Amino acid sequence: MEHKPVTVVACIKERVAGSSCAERGGVALADAVEQELARQGLPIGVKRILCLGQCEQGPNLRIAPGGAFFHRMTMDRLGEVVEAARAAYETARDQAP
């Protein structure tokens, strides 16, 4: 049996009024995480969504299922997300029947 896939969820919402994850670089962050996961050969996808419900703390990323949130993300901190996604993937893989 295969384990549940791990995904990095990235908010890319653009808001008309107020600041948004997209305005703060969410799209570029999602692209950069996706490229780094692929570069490392990790079978982890990046899902772009329109809201994680934490706009004031954006840009926001989350490890799914049920993983950590990463708020106020910057390019300098992308390694944190990649390492958390790797750890979640390895845990799910190791726990698969």
Foldseek 3Di string as FASTA:
>chain_A
DAFDAKEKEWACADDPDDAFQVNLPRVVLLVVLQVVCVVVVHPYYYHYDHDPPPGVFDRWMAMPDVGDIDTPDDPVCSVVVNVRSVVVVVVRRVPDD
